[in-house]
Amino acid sequence: MSEQTGLCIGCLRTIDEIALWGQMSSAEREQVLRQIQQRAGHWNVETSPPAA
């Protein structure tokens, strides 16, 4: 986790998003993935989507 952003350095998810990923619906995961794309643009980094 990045101390600067509070996000995972590899996937740009929060600790809560990582913990809940397996319990999320497809719609919730899609929302997180959209947020990741926004974060990646803001922090100017490339990401790979988290494994389903």
PDB file of N, CA and C in Angstrom:
ATOM      1  N   MET A   1       0.842  -1.172   0.000  1.00  0.00           N
ATOM      2  CA  MET A   1       0.000   0.000   0.000  1.00  0.00           C
ATOM      3  C   MET A   1       0.892   1.243   0.000  1.00  0.00           C
ATOM      4  N   SER A   2       0.480   2.199  -0.777  1.00  0.00           N
ATOM      5  CA  SER A   2       1.215   3.455  -0.829  1.00  0.00           C
ATOM      6  C   SER A   2       0.817   4.317   0.363  1.00  0.00           C
ATOM      7  N   GLU A   3       1.798   4.786   1.083  1.00  0.00           N
ATOM      8  CA  GLU A   3       1.513   5.689   2.202  1.00  0.00           C
ATOM      9  C   GLU A   3       0.981   7.023   1.688  1.00  0.00           C
ATOM     10  N   GLN A   4       1.408   7.415   0.509  1.00  0.00           N
ATOM     11  CA  GLN A   4       0.999   8.693  -0.068  1.00  0.00           C
ATOM     12  C   GLN A   4      -0.477   8.683  -0.470  1.00  0.00           C
ATOM     13  N   THR A   5      -0.925   7.587  -1.114  1.00  0.00           N
ATOM     14  CA  THR A   5      -2.283   7.552  -1.660  1.00  0.00           C
ATOM     15  C   THR A   5      -3.246   6.689  -0.859  1.00  0.00           C
ATOM     16  N   GLY A   6      -2.727   5.730  -0.092  1.00  0.00           N
ATOM     17  CA  GLY A   6      -3.593   4.773   0.599  1.00  0.00           C
ATOM     18  C   GLY A   6      -4.125   3.695  -0.321  1.00  0.00           C
ATOM     19  N   LEU A   7      -3.536   3.586  -1.506  1.00  0.00           N
ATOM     20  CA  LEU A   7      -3.971   2.611  -2.506  1.00  0.00           C
ATOM     21  C   LEU A   7      -2.905   1.544  -2.691  1.00  0.00           C
ATOM     22  N   CYS A   8      -3.347   0.365  -3.131  1.00  0.00           N
ATOM     23  CA  CYS A   8      -2.400  -0.688  -3.483  1.00  0.00           C
ATOM     24  C   CYS A   8      -1.544  -0.197  -4.641  1.00  0.00           C
ATOM     25  N   ILE A   9      -0.265  -0.395  -4.543  1.00  0.00           N
ATOM     26  CA  ILE A   9       0.660   0.063  -5.573  1.00  0.00           C
ATOM     27  C   ILE A   9       0.438  -0.698  -6.882  1.00  0.00           C
ATOM     28  N   GLY A  10       0.041  -1.956  -6.798  1.00  0.00           N
ATOM     29  CA  GLY A  10      -0.138  -2.775  -7.997  1.00  0.00           C
ATOM     30  C   GLY A  10      -1.470  -2.611  -8.694  1.00  0.00           C
ATOM     31  N   CYS A  11      -2.560  -2.488  -7.921  1.00  0.00           N
ATOM     32  CA  CYS A  11      -3.891  -2.486  -8.541  1.00  0.00           C
ATOM     33  C   CYS A  11      -4.690  -1.210  -8.305  1.00  0.00           C
ATOM     34  N   LEU A  12      -4.176  -0.302  -7.505  1.00  0.00           N
ATOM     35  CA  LEU A  12      -4.812   0.985  -7.209  1.00  0.00           C
ATOM     36  C   LEU A  12      -6.165   0.862  -6.513  1.00  0.00           C
ATOM     37  N   ARG A  13      -6.372  -0.245  -5.797  1.00  0.00           N
ATOM     38  CA  ARG A  13      -7.591  -0.385  -5.005  1.00  0.00           C
ATOM     39  C   ARG A  13      -7.291  -0.029  -3.557  1.00  0.00           C
ATOM     40  N   THR A  14      -8.351   0.377  -2.842  1.00  0.00           N
ATOM     41  CA  THR A  14      -8.221   0.620  -1.414  1.00  0.00           C
ATOM     42  C   THR A  14      -8.207  -0.722  -0.687  1.00  0.00           C
ATOM     43  N   ILE A  15      -7.824  -0.723   0.565  1.00  0.00           N
ATOM     44  CA  ILE A  15      -7.821  -1.946   1.345  1.00  0.00           C
ATOM     45  C   ILE A  15      -9.236  -2.514   1.463  1.00  0.00           C
ATOM     46  N   ASP A  16     -10.233  -1.647   1.582  1.00  0.00           N
ATOM     47  CA  ASP A  16     -11.623  -2.107   1.652  1.00  0.00           C
ATOM     48  C   ASP A  16     -12.064  -2.742   0.336  1.00  0.00           C
ATOM     49  N   GLU A  17     -11.686  -2.138  -0.783  1.00  0.00           N
ATOM     50  CA  GLU A  17     -12.042  -2.710  -2.086  1.00  0.00           C
ATOM     51  C   GLU A  17     -11.399  -4.074  -2.268  1.00  0.00           C
ATOM     52  N   ILE A  18     -10.163  -4.216  -1.834  1.00  0.00           N
ATOM     53  CA  ILE A  18      -9.470  -5.509  -1.944  1.00  0.00           C
ATOM     54  C   ILE A  18     -10.173  -6.547  -1.070  1.00  0.00           C
ATOM     55  N   ALA A  19     -10.498  -6.174   0.156  1.00  0.00           N
ATOM     56  CA  ALA A  19     -11.121  -7.113   1.096  1.00  0.00           C
ATOM     57  C   ALA A  19     -12.501  -7.554   0.624  1.00  0.00           C
ATOM     58  N   LEU A  20     -13.244  -6.653   0.004  1.00  0.00           N
ATOM     59  CA  LEU A  20     -14.621  -6.954  -0.392  1.00  0.00           C
ATOM     60  C   LEU A  20     -14.754  -7.467  -1.821  1.00  0.00           C
ATOM     61  N   TRP A  21     -13.690  -7.471  -2.590  1.00  0.00           N
ATOM     62  CA  TRP A  21     -13.739  -7.813  -4.017  1.00  0.00           C
ATOM     63  C   TRP A  21     -14.472  -9.138  -4.273  1.00  0.00           C
ATOM     64  N   GLY A  22     -14.174 -10.155  -3.532  1.00  0.00           N
ATOM     65  CA  GLY A  22     -14.785 -11.470  -3.742  1.00  0.00           C
ATOM     66  C   GLY A  22     -16.275 -11.513  -3.440  1.00  0.00           C
ATOM     67  N   GLN A  23     -16.770 -10.559  -2.680  1.00  0.00           N
ATOM     68  CA  GLN A  23     -18.181 -10.507  -2.315  1.00  0.00           C
ATOM     69  C   GLN A  23     -18.966  -9.506  -3.157  1.00  0.00           C
ATOM     70  N   MET A  24     -18.277  -8.742  -3.991  1.00  0.00           N
ATOM     71  CA  MET A  24     -18.940  -7.702  -4.780  1.00  0.00           C
ATOM     72  C   MET A  24     -19.702  -8.307  -5.945  1.00  0.00           C
ATOM     73  N   SER A  25     -20.793  -7.636  -6.302  1.00  0.00           N
ATOM     74  CA  SER A  25     -21.536  -8.009  -7.504  1.00  0.00           C
ATOM     75  C   SER A  25     -20.745  -7.542  -8.723  1.00  0.00           C
ATOM     76  N   SER A  26     -21.142  -8.000  -9.881  1.00  0.00           N
ATOM     77  CA  SER A  26     -20.485  -7.565 -11.119  1.00  0.00           C
ATOM     78  C   SER A  26     -20.583  -6.054 -11.281  1.00  0.00           C
ATOM     79  N   ALA A  27     -21.731  -5.490 -10.949  1.00  0.00           N
ATOM     80  CA  ALA A  27     -21.918  -4.035 -11.069  1.00  0.00           C
ATOM     81  C   ALA A  27     -20.984  -3.281 -10.128  1.00  0.00           C
ATOM     82  N   GLU A  28     -20.830  -3.787  -8.918  1.00  0.00           N
ATOM     83  CA  GLU A  28     -19.929  -3.141  -7.960  1.00  0.00           C
ATOM     84  C   GLU A  28     -18.482  -3.225  -8.430  1.00  0.00           C
ATOM     85  N   ARG A  29     -18.107  -4.373  -8.979  1.00  0.00           N
ATOM     86  CA  ARG A  29     -16.744  -4.518  -9.495  1.00  0.00           C
ATOM     87  C   ARG A  29     -16.506  -3.566 -10.662  1.00  0.00           C
ATOM     88  N   GLU A  30     -17.492  -3.448 -11.541  1.00  0.00           N
ATOM     89  CA  GLU A  30     -17.365  -2.526 -12.667  1.00  0.00           C
ATOM     90  C   GLU A  30     -17.179  -1.092 -12.178  1.00  0.00           C
ATOM     91  N   GLN A  31     -17.879  -0.729 -11.131  1.00  0.00           N
ATOM     92  CA  GLN A  31     -17.739   0.614 -10.560  1.00  0.00           C
ATOM     93  C   GLN A  31     -16.322   0.823 -10.027  1.00  0.00           C
ATOM     94  N   VAL A  32     -15.801  -0.173  -9.324  1.00  0.00           N
ATOM     95  CA  VAL A  32     -14.433  -0.082  -8.805  1.00  0.00           C
ATOM     96  C   VAL A  32     -13.444   0.025  -9.965  1.00  0.00           C
ATOM     97  N   LEU A  33     -13.655  -0.756 -11.015  1.00  0.00           N
ATOM     98  CA  LEU A  33     -12.755  -0.709 -12.158  1.00  0.00           C
ATOM     99  C   LEU A  33     -12.769   0.667 -12.825  1.00  0.00           C
ATOM    100  N   ARG A  34     -13.936   1.307 -12.889  1.00  0.00           N
ATOM    101  CA  ARG A  34     -14.007   2.668 -13.429  1.00  0.00           C
ATOM    102  C   ARG A  34     -13.236   3.636 -12.531  1.00  0.00           C
ATOM    103  N   GLN A  35     -13.363   3.451 -11.223  1.00  0.00           N
ATOM    104  CA  GLN A  35     -12.638   4.310 -10.290  1.00  0.00           C
ATOM    105  C   GLN A  35     -11.128   4.108 -10.432  1.00  0.00           C
ATOM    106  N   ILE A  36     -10.714   2.867 -10.659  1.00  0.00           N
ATOM    107  CA  ILE A  36      -9.293   2.574 -10.848  1.00  0.00           C
ATOM    108  C   ILE A  36      -8.762   3.313 -12.070  1.00  0.00           C
ATOM    109  N   GLN A  37      -9.542   3.329 -13.153  1.00  0.00           N
ATOM    110  CA  GLN A  37      -9.110   4.036 -14.359  1.00  0.00           C
ATOM    111  C   GLN A  37      -8.948   5.528 -14.077  1.00  0.00           C
ATOM    112  N   GLN A  38      -9.855   6.093 -13.303  1.00  0.00           N
ATOM    113  CA  GLN A  38      -9.738   7.502 -12.930  1.00  0.00           C
ATOM    114  C   GLN A  38      -8.500   7.729 -12.071  1.00  0.00           C
ATOM    115  N   ARG A  39      -8.271   6.831 -11.132  1.00  0.00           N
ATOM    116  CA  ARG A  39      -7.093   6.955 -10.261  1.00  0.00           C
ATOM    117  C   ARG A  39      -5.814   6.855 -11.077  1.00  0.00           C
ATOM    118  N   ALA A  40      -5.799   5.904 -12.014  1.00  0.00           N
ATOM    119  CA  ALA A  40      -4.601   5.712 -12.837  1.00  0.00           C
ATOM    120  C   ALA A  40      -4.304   6.980 -13.623  1.00  0.00           C
ATOM    121  N   GLY A  41      -5.342   7.618 -14.155  1.00  0.00           N
ATOM    122  CA  GLY A  41      -5.147   8.860 -14.888  1.00  0.00           C
ATOM    123  C   GLY A  41      -4.644   9.971 -13.983  1.00  0.00           C
ATOM    124  N   HIS A  42      -5.200  10.024 -12.792  1.00  0.00           N
ATOM    125  CA  HIS A  42      -4.794  11.059 -11.830  1.00  0.00           C
ATOM    126  C   HIS A  42      -3.347  10.872 -11.399  1.00  0.00           C
ATOM    127  N   TRP A  43      -2.966   9.634 -11.145  1.00  0.00           N
ATOM    128  CA  TRP A  43      -1.608   9.360 -10.664  1.00  0.00           C
ATOM    129  C   TRP A  43      -0.651   9.040 -11.804  1.00  0.00           C
ATOM    130  N   ASN A  44      -1.184   9.041 -13.070  1.00  0.00           N
ATOM    131  CA  ASN A  44      -0.370   8.812 -14.257  1.00  0.00           C
ATOM    132  C   ASN A  44       0.393   7.492 -14.182  1.00  0.00           C
ATOM    133  N   VAL A  45      -0.357   6.414 -13.937  1.00  0.00           N
ATOM    134  CA  VAL A  45       0.238   5.082 -13.882  1.00  0.00           C
ATOM    135  C   VAL A  45      -0.577   4.126 -14.743  1.00  0.00           C
ATOM    136  N   GLU A  46       0.047   3.022 -15.151  1.00  0.00           N
ATOM    137  CA  GLU A  46      -0.650   1.981 -15.875  1.00  0.00           C
ATOM    138  C   GLU A  46      -1.038   0.889 -14.894  1.00  0.00           C
ATOM    139  N   THR A  47      -2.220   0.286 -15.118  1.00  0.00           N
ATOM    140  CA  THR A  47      -2.672  -0.778 -14.234  1.00  0.00           C
ATOM    141  C   THR A  47      -3.167  -1.954 -15.042  1.00  0.00           C
ATOM    142  N   SER A  48      -3.159  -3.095 -14.425  1.00  0.00           N
ATOM    143  CA  SER A  48      -3.834  -4.276 -14.937  1.00  0.00           C
ATOM    144  C   SER A  48      -5.042  -4.497 -14.065  1.00  0.00           C
ATOM    145  N   PRO A  49      -6.184  -4.908 -14.644  1.00  0.00           N
ATOM    146  CA  PRO A  49      -7.361  -5.115 -13.810  1.00  0.00           C
ATOM    147  C   PRO A  49      -7.142  -6.228 -12.803  1.00  0.00           C
ATOM    148  N   PRO A  50      -7.758  -6.130 -11.634  1.00  0.00           N
ATOM    149  CA  PRO A  50      -7.643  -7.190 -10.628  1.00  0.00           C
ATOM    150  C   PRO A  50      -8.247  -8.491 -11.146  1.00  0.00           C
ATOM    151  N   ALA A  51      -7.731  -9.594 -10.679  1.00  0.00           N
ATOM    152  CA  ALA A  51      -8.273 -10.900 -11.072  1.00  0.00           C
ATOM    153  C   ALA A  51      -9.674 -11.049 -10.505  1.00  0.00           C
ATOM    154  N   ALA A  52     -10.532 -11.671 -11.292  1.00  0.00           N
ATOM    155  CA  ALA A  52     -11.932 -11.851 -10.871  1.00  0.00           C
ATOM    156  C   ALA A  52     -12.043 -12.874  -9.771  1.00  0.00           C
TER     157      ALA A  52
END
